[in-house]
């Protein structure tokens, strides 16, 4: 399966709940996250969307200023995905992604695909290395 092109997600529906770094740096990191490409999912939890905890790891993001490794640990709540957010191993804050934002849809779609696929010993699936998987969304999370 060819890895899809990175897409730009709308800033609407992505809210910074808590920041542990400067607001200026956080906005730059948020822009790089919005231009992300999902290539692997590591999970923990149930397959249901409501109230289940999912761990979405190692989102590699190429930007003009360098390469970032985003890591999101998300829990699905009624009003959106709440995600602890790390960049290159450093915690930078907590974000809420509304279900109306395409980023939340792509995260949940990637998790659904991963949960249907054969699990590895580490509960990790590389979505870009499974040519037998048909997957329509424009982004693949890693």
Protein backbone atom coordinates (compact mmCIF):
# COMPACT_ATOMS: atom_id res chain seq x y z
CA UNK A 1 0.00 0.00 0.00
CA UNK A 2 1.39 3.36 -0.95
CA UNK A 3 1.65 5.79 1.92
CA UNK A 4 -0.70 8.72 1.26
CA UNK A 5 0.48 12.28 0.94
CA UNK A 6 0.36 14.38 4.08
CA UNK A 7 -2.67 16.63 4.22
CA UNK A 8 -3.39 19.84 6.07
CA UNK A 9 -6.06 19.62 8.73
CA UNK A 10 -8.21 22.57 9.66
CA UNK A 11 -7.28 24.41 12.89
CA UNK A 12 -10.98 24.50 13.79
CA UNK A 13 -11.81 21.82 16.29
CA UNK A 14 -8.28 21.45 17.70
CA UNK A 15 -8.09 23.04 21.12
CA UNK A 16 -5.07 23.34 23.42
CA UNK A 17 -6.31 22.19 26.82
CA UNK A 18 -3.00 22.52 28.68
CA UNK A 19 0.44 23.63 27.54
CA UNK A 20 3.76 22.64 29.07
CA UNK A 21 5.88 24.69 26.66
CA UNK A 22 5.77 28.26 25.35
CA UNK A 23 2.67 29.24 23.39
CA UNK A 24 4.78 30.36 20.42
CA UNK A 25 6.54 26.99 20.19
CA UNK A 26 3.25 25.17 20.74
CA UNK A 27 1.62 26.93 17.78
CA UNK A 28 4.50 25.91 15.52
CA UNK A 29 4.27 22.32 16.70
CA UNK A 30 0.51 22.38 16.19
CA UNK A 31 1.06 23.46 12.59
CA UNK A 32 3.42 20.53 12.04
CA UNK A 33 0.91 18.13 13.60
CA UNK A 34 -1.78 19.48 11.28
CA UNK A 35 0.46 18.59 8.32
CA UNK A 36 1.04 15.06 9.61
CA UNK A 37 1.11 11.69 7.95
CA UNK A 38 0.12 8.60 9.94
CA UNK A 39 2.27 5.52 9.30
CA UNK A 40 1.98 3.35 12.41
CA UNK A 41 -0.48 2.77 15.23
CA UNK A 42 0.33 1.33 18.63
CA UNK A 43 -2.75 0.82 20.76
CA UNK A 44 -4.05 -0.27 24.11
CA UNK A 45 -7.72 -0.60 24.92
CA UNK A 46 -10.98 -1.76 23.42
CA UNK A 47 -12.11 -1.30 19.86
CA UNK A 48 -15.20 0.72 20.82
CA UNK A 49 -14.94 4.45 20.23
CA UNK A 50 -16.77 5.63 23.32
CA UNK A 51 -14.75 5.71 26.51
CA UNK A 52 -11.89 3.56 25.25
CA UNK A 53 -8.26 4.51 25.71
CA UNK A 54 -6.05 4.40 22.63
CA UNK A 55 -2.35 5.13 22.37
CA UNK A 56 -1.33 6.59 19.03
CA UNK A 57 2.44 6.71 18.75
CA UNK A 58 5.33 7.94 16.61
CA UNK A 59 3.78 10.27 14.09
CA UNK A 60 6.65 11.36 11.88
CA UNK A 61 6.14 14.80 10.45
CA UNK A 62 8.32 16.37 7.78
CA UNK A 63 8.33 20.17 7.79
CA UNK A 64 10.50 22.83 6.22
CA UNK A 65 12.18 23.44 9.57
CA UNK A 66 12.99 19.81 10.34
CA UNK A 67 11.53 16.48 11.33
CA UNK A 68 9.26 16.05 14.34
CA UNK A 69 8.18 12.81 15.97
CA UNK A 70 4.72 13.42 17.41
CA UNK A 71 3.26 11.00 19.95
CA UNK A 72 -0.39 11.16 20.97
CA UNK A 73 -1.98 9.16 23.79
CA UNK A 74 -5.70 9.61 23.26
CA UNK A 75 -8.91 8.81 25.05
CA UNK A 76 -12.21 9.00 23.21
CA UNK A 77 -14.79 11.03 25.11
CA UNK A 78 -18.27 12.21 24.14
CA UNK A 79 -17.08 15.64 22.97
CA UNK A 80 -13.85 14.61 21.23
CA UNK A 81 -10.46 12.96 21.53
CA UNK A 82 -8.34 14.15 24.46
CA UNK A 83 -4.68 13.51 23.74
CA UNK A 84 -1.49 13.82 25.76
CA UNK A 85 0.98 15.20 23.24
CA UNK A 86 4.72 14.63 23.09
CA UNK A 87 7.16 15.87 20.47
CA UNK A 88 10.52 14.12 20.14
CA UNK A 89 9.96 12.58 23.59
CA UNK A 90 9.14 15.89 25.32
CA UNK A 91 5.64 16.47 26.72
CA UNK A 92 4.27 19.69 25.24
CA UNK A 93 0.65 19.65 26.35
CA UNK A 94 -2.81 18.20 26.08
CA UNK A 95 -5.05 18.83 23.09
CA UNK A 96 -8.70 18.15 22.41
CA UNK A 97 -9.66 17.19 18.86
CA UNK A 98 -13.38 17.59 18.09
CA UNK A 99 -15.01 14.77 16.16
CA UNK A 100 -15.95 17.39 13.55
CA UNK A 101 -12.25 17.73 12.62
CA UNK A 102 -10.94 15.36 9.95
CA UNK A 103 -7.88 14.65 12.12
CA UNK A 104 -10.08 12.88 14.70
CA UNK A 105 -11.73 10.87 11.94
CA UNK A 106 -8.39 9.77 10.53
CA UNK A 107 -7.04 8.83 13.97
CA UNK A 108 -10.12 6.71 14.68
CA UNK A 109 -10.11 5.19 11.19
CA UNK A 110 -6.46 4.23 11.52
CA UNK A 111 -7.11 2.68 14.94
CA UNK A 112 -10.06 0.72 13.55
CA UNK A 113 -7.87 -0.61 10.73
CA UNK A 114 -5.11 -1.52 13.15
CA UNK A 115 -7.46 -3.35 15.49
CA UNK A 116 -8.78 -5.45 12.59
CA UNK A 117 -5.28 -6.39 11.45
CA UNK A 118 -3.01 -9.03 12.87
CA UNK A 119 -1.46 -7.75 16.08
CA UNK A 120 2.27 -7.94 16.67
CA UNK A 121 3.82 -8.80 20.02
CA UNK A 122 3.97 -5.09 20.84
CA UNK A 123 0.38 -4.36 19.73
CA UNK A 124 1.80 -2.30 16.90
CA UNK A 125 0.87 -2.22 13.24
CA UNK A 126 2.77 -0.49 10.48
CA UNK A 127 -0.01 0.62 8.16
CA UNK A 128 2.40 1.55 5.37
CA UNK A 129 3.79 -2.00 5.13
CA UNK A 130 0.57 -3.95 4.65
CA UNK A 131 -0.19 -4.07 0.89
CA UNK A 132 -3.19 -6.34 1.46
CA UNK A 133 -5.06 -3.69 3.45
CA UNK A 134 -7.47 -1.51 1.54
CA UNK A 135 -7.81 1.82 3.29
CA UNK A 136 -9.41 4.92 1.83
CA UNK A 137 -8.56 7.85 4.18
CA UNK A 138 -5.93 10.30 2.98
CA UNK A 139 -3.68 9.90 6.01
CA UNK A 140 -2.03 6.98 7.82
CA UNK A 141 -1.04 7.37 11.50
CA UNK A 142 2.03 5.79 13.00
